[in-house]
């Protein structure tokens, strides 16, 4: 596995514990989030936060620009 991982769905019920585990394993985590301020309150300081929204293709293109490995942890309704 890459030592750098971008995550969509990092602030959810499954995402938060997963992020903590990845950091414990020495993985550099970038969280792609809709609201950076809210995510900053929830996620550990080691996580790089990048704004992006699944409903906004342009924001995803910007957020994913330097992503080598992506983990998508998102539920749909």
N, C-alpha and C. Protein backbone atom coordinates (compact mmCIF):
# COMPACT_ATOMS: atom_id res chain seq x y z
N UNK A 1 0.84 -1.18 0.00
CA UNK A 1 0.00 0.00 0.00
C UNK A 1 0.88 1.24 0.00
N UNK A 2 0.40 2.25 -0.69
CA UNK A 2 1.10 3.53 -0.73
C UNK A 2 1.18 4.14 0.66
N UNK A 3 2.22 4.92 0.89
CA UNK A 3 2.36 5.61 2.17
C UNK A 3 1.55 6.90 2.19
N UNK A 4 0.91 7.23 1.07
CA UNK A 4 0.04 8.39 0.99
C UNK A 4 -1.30 7.93 0.45
N UNK A 5 -2.37 8.37 1.10
CA UNK A 5 -3.70 7.93 0.71
C UNK A 5 -4.66 9.10 0.82
N UNK A 6 -5.45 9.32 -0.23
CA UNK A 6 -6.52 10.31 -0.18
C UNK A 6 -7.81 9.57 0.13
N UNK A 7 -8.66 10.19 0.95
CA UNK A 7 -9.89 9.53 1.40
C UNK A 7 -11.08 10.44 1.16
N UNK A 8 -12.10 9.89 0.54
CA UNK A 8 -13.40 10.54 0.45
C UNK A 8 -14.30 9.78 1.41
N UNK A 9 -14.96 10.50 2.31
CA UNK A 9 -15.79 9.88 3.34
C UNK A 9 -15.05 9.76 4.66
N UNK A 10 -14.09 10.63 4.89
CA UNK A 10 -13.23 10.55 6.08
C UNK A 10 -13.93 10.95 7.37
N UNK A 11 -15.00 11.73 7.28
CA UNK A 11 -15.63 12.25 8.50
C UNK A 11 -16.85 11.47 8.94
N UNK A 12 -17.12 10.36 8.30
CA UNK A 12 -18.28 9.55 8.66
C UNK A 12 -17.99 8.57 9.79
N UNK A 13 -19.00 7.80 10.15
CA UNK A 13 -18.89 6.84 11.26
C UNK A 13 -17.81 5.79 11.01
N UNK A 14 -17.64 5.38 9.78
CA UNK A 14 -16.59 4.41 9.45
C UNK A 14 -15.27 5.12 9.15
N UNK A 15 -15.36 6.31 8.59
CA UNK A 15 -14.17 7.03 8.16
C UNK A 15 -13.28 7.50 9.29
N UNK A 16 -13.87 8.03 10.36
CA UNK A 16 -13.07 8.58 11.45
C UNK A 16 -12.16 7.52 12.10
N UNK A 17 -12.70 6.35 12.50
CA UNK A 17 -11.80 5.35 13.07
C UNK A 17 -10.76 4.84 12.06
N UNK A 18 -11.15 4.76 10.79
CA UNK A 18 -10.22 4.32 9.76
C UNK A 18 -9.06 5.31 9.63
N UNK A 19 -9.36 6.60 9.66
CA UNK A 19 -8.33 7.64 9.57
C UNK A 19 -7.35 7.50 10.72
N UNK A 20 -7.86 7.32 11.93
CA UNK A 20 -6.97 7.15 13.09
C UNK A 20 -6.06 5.94 12.91
N UNK A 21 -6.60 4.85 12.40
CA UNK A 21 -5.81 3.63 12.19
C UNK A 21 -4.73 3.84 11.12
N UNK A 22 -5.10 4.51 10.05
CA UNK A 22 -4.12 4.78 8.99
C UNK A 22 -2.96 5.62 9.51
N UNK A 23 -3.26 6.63 10.31
CA UNK A 23 -2.22 7.48 10.89
C UNK A 23 -1.33 6.66 11.81
N UNK A 24 -1.92 5.78 12.61
CA UNK A 24 -1.13 4.91 13.50
C UNK A 24 -0.17 4.04 12.70
N UNK A 25 -0.56 3.68 11.48
CA UNK A 25 0.27 2.83 10.63
C UNK A 25 1.27 3.63 9.80
N UNK A 26 1.33 4.94 10.04
CA UNK A 26 2.31 5.77 9.35
C UNK A 26 1.91 6.21 7.95
N UNK A 27 0.64 6.11 7.64
CA UNK A 27 0.14 6.53 6.33
C UNK A 27 -0.12 8.03 6.36
N UNK A 28 0.33 8.73 5.33
CA UNK A 28 0.03 10.16 5.18
C UNK A 28 -1.36 10.27 4.56
N UNK A 29 -2.29 10.88 5.29
CA UNK A 29 -3.69 10.91 4.86
C UNK A 29 -4.10 12.32 4.43
N UNK A 30 -4.74 12.37 3.26
CA UNK A 30 -5.39 13.58 2.78
C UNK A 30 -6.89 13.28 2.75
N UNK A 31 -7.67 14.09 3.46
CA UNK A 31 -9.12 13.91 3.47
C UNK A 31 -9.74 14.92 2.52
N UNK A 32 -10.54 14.43 1.60
CA UNK A 32 -11.27 15.30 0.69
C UNK A 32 -12.65 15.50 1.31
N UNK A 33 -12.92 16.73 1.72
CA UNK A 33 -14.11 17.02 2.52
C UNK A 33 -14.89 18.19 1.92
N UNK A 34 -16.19 18.22 2.21
CA UNK A 34 -17.01 19.35 1.75
C UNK A 34 -16.77 20.60 2.59
N UNK A 35 -16.55 20.41 3.90
CA UNK A 35 -16.43 21.54 4.81
C UNK A 35 -15.13 21.39 5.60
N UNK A 36 -14.12 22.14 5.24
CA UNK A 36 -12.80 22.03 5.86
C UNK A 36 -12.86 22.41 7.34
N UNK A 37 -13.59 23.46 7.69
CA UNK A 37 -13.68 23.89 9.09
C UNK A 37 -14.29 22.80 9.97
N UNK A 38 -15.37 22.20 9.52
CA UNK A 38 -16.02 21.13 10.28
C UNK A 38 -15.10 19.91 10.39
N UNK A 39 -14.46 19.54 9.30
CA UNK A 39 -13.55 18.39 9.32
C UNK A 39 -12.37 18.64 10.24
N UNK A 40 -11.92 19.88 10.32
CA UNK A 40 -10.80 20.24 11.19
C UNK A 40 -11.14 19.99 12.65
N UNK A 41 -12.41 20.09 13.00
CA UNK A 41 -12.87 19.84 14.37
C UNK A 41 -12.96 18.34 14.67
N UNK A 42 -13.08 17.53 13.62
CA UNK A 42 -13.34 16.10 13.77
C UNK A 42 -12.10 15.23 13.58
N UNK A 43 -11.27 15.60 12.64
CA UNK A 43 -10.14 14.75 12.26
C UNK A 43 -8.85 15.18 12.95
N UNK A 44 -7.91 14.25 13.12
CA UNK A 44 -6.63 14.58 13.75
C UNK A 44 -5.86 15.63 12.95
N UNK A 45 -5.02 16.36 13.65
CA UNK A 45 -4.25 17.45 13.04
C UNK A 45 -3.31 16.94 11.94
N UNK A 46 -2.92 15.68 11.98
CA UNK A 46 -1.99 15.13 10.98
C UNK A 46 -2.62 14.99 9.60
N UNK A 47 -3.94 15.05 9.53
CA UNK A 47 -4.65 14.85 8.27
C UNK A 47 -4.65 16.16 7.48
N UNK A 48 -4.23 16.06 6.22
CA UNK A 48 -4.30 17.21 5.32
C UNK A 48 -5.74 17.28 4.80
N UNK A 49 -6.34 18.45 4.87
CA UNK A 49 -7.72 18.62 4.44
C UNK A 49 -7.76 19.37 3.12
N UNK A 50 -8.51 18.83 2.17
CA UNK A 50 -8.68 19.44 0.86
C UNK A 50 -10.18 19.49 0.58
N UNK A 51 -10.64 20.65 0.14
CA UNK A 51 -12.07 20.79 -0.14
C UNK A 51 -12.44 20.16 -1.47
N UNK A 52 -13.51 19.36 -1.44
CA UNK A 52 -14.03 18.72 -2.63
C UNK A 52 -15.40 18.15 -2.34
N UNK A 53 -16.24 18.07 -3.35
CA UNK A 53 -17.61 17.59 -3.18
C UNK A 53 -17.94 16.64 -4.33
N UNK A 54 -18.51 15.50 -4.00
CA UNK A 54 -18.88 14.52 -5.03
C UNK A 54 -19.87 15.07 -6.04
N UNK A 55 -20.63 16.09 -5.66
CA UNK A 55 -21.61 16.68 -6.56
C UNK A 55 -21.01 17.78 -7.44
N UNK A 56 -19.73 18.07 -7.25
CA UNK A 56 -19.06 19.15 -7.99
C UNK A 56 -17.79 18.60 -8.64
N UNK A 57 -17.90 18.25 -9.90
CA UNK A 57 -16.80 17.60 -10.62
C UNK A 57 -15.53 18.45 -10.62
N UNK A 58 -15.68 19.76 -10.82
CA UNK A 58 -14.51 20.64 -10.84
C UNK A 58 -13.78 20.62 -9.50
N UNK A 59 -14.52 20.64 -8.39
CA UNK A 59 -13.87 20.60 -7.07
C UNK A 59 -13.16 19.27 -6.87
N UNK A 60 -13.73 18.18 -7.38
CA UNK A 60 -13.07 16.87 -7.26
C UNK A 60 -11.80 16.82 -8.09
N UNK A 61 -11.85 17.36 -9.28
CA UNK A 61 -10.65 17.41 -10.12
C UNK A 61 -9.52 18.14 -9.41
N UNK A 62 -9.84 19.27 -8.78
CA UNK A 62 -8.82 20.02 -8.04
C UNK A 62 -8.32 19.21 -6.84
N UNK A 63 -9.24 18.63 -6.08
CA UNK A 63 -8.89 17.90 -4.87
C UNK A 63 -8.05 16.65 -5.17
N UNK A 64 -8.31 16.01 -6.28
CA UNK A 64 -7.64 14.75 -6.63
C UNK A 64 -6.38 14.94 -7.47
N UNK A 65 -6.00 16.17 -7.72
CA UNK A 65 -4.91 16.48 -8.64
C UNK A 65 -3.63 15.67 -8.36
N UNK A 66 -3.19 15.59 -7.14
CA UNK A 66 -1.93 14.89 -6.82
C UNK A 66 -2.16 13.56 -6.11
N UNK A 67 -3.33 12.97 -6.32
CA UNK A 67 -3.67 11.72 -5.64
C UNK A 67 -3.14 10.53 -6.41
N UNK A 68 -2.38 9.69 -5.70
CA UNK A 68 -1.91 8.44 -6.29
C UNK A 68 -2.84 7.29 -5.95
N UNK A 69 -3.34 7.29 -4.71
CA UNK A 69 -4.24 6.23 -4.24
C UNK A 69 -5.43 6.88 -3.56
N UNK A 70 -6.62 6.43 -3.93
CA UNK A 70 -7.86 6.98 -3.38
C UNK A 70 -8.66 5.87 -2.73
N UNK A 71 -9.17 6.17 -1.52
CA UNK A 71 -10.11 5.27 -0.85
C UNK A 71 -11.43 6.01 -0.78
N UNK A 72 -12.48 5.44 -1.39
CA UNK A 72 -13.80 6.04 -1.40
C UNK A 72 -14.67 5.31 -0.39
N UNK A 73 -15.03 6.03 0.66
CA UNK A 73 -15.83 5.47 1.75
C UNK A 73 -17.07 6.35 1.88
N UNK A 74 -17.98 6.19 0.95
CA UNK A 74 -19.13 7.08 0.90
C UNK A 74 -20.41 6.29 0.71
N UNK A 75 -21.40 6.62 1.52
CA UNK A 75 -22.71 5.99 1.34
C UNK A 75 -23.56 6.91 0.48
N UNK A 76 -24.54 6.35 -0.17
CA UNK A 76 -25.43 7.15 -0.99
C UNK A 76 -26.85 6.94 -0.49
N UNK A 77 -27.66 7.93 -0.75
CA UNK A 77 -29.08 7.85 -0.36
C UNK A 77 -29.96 8.00 -1.56
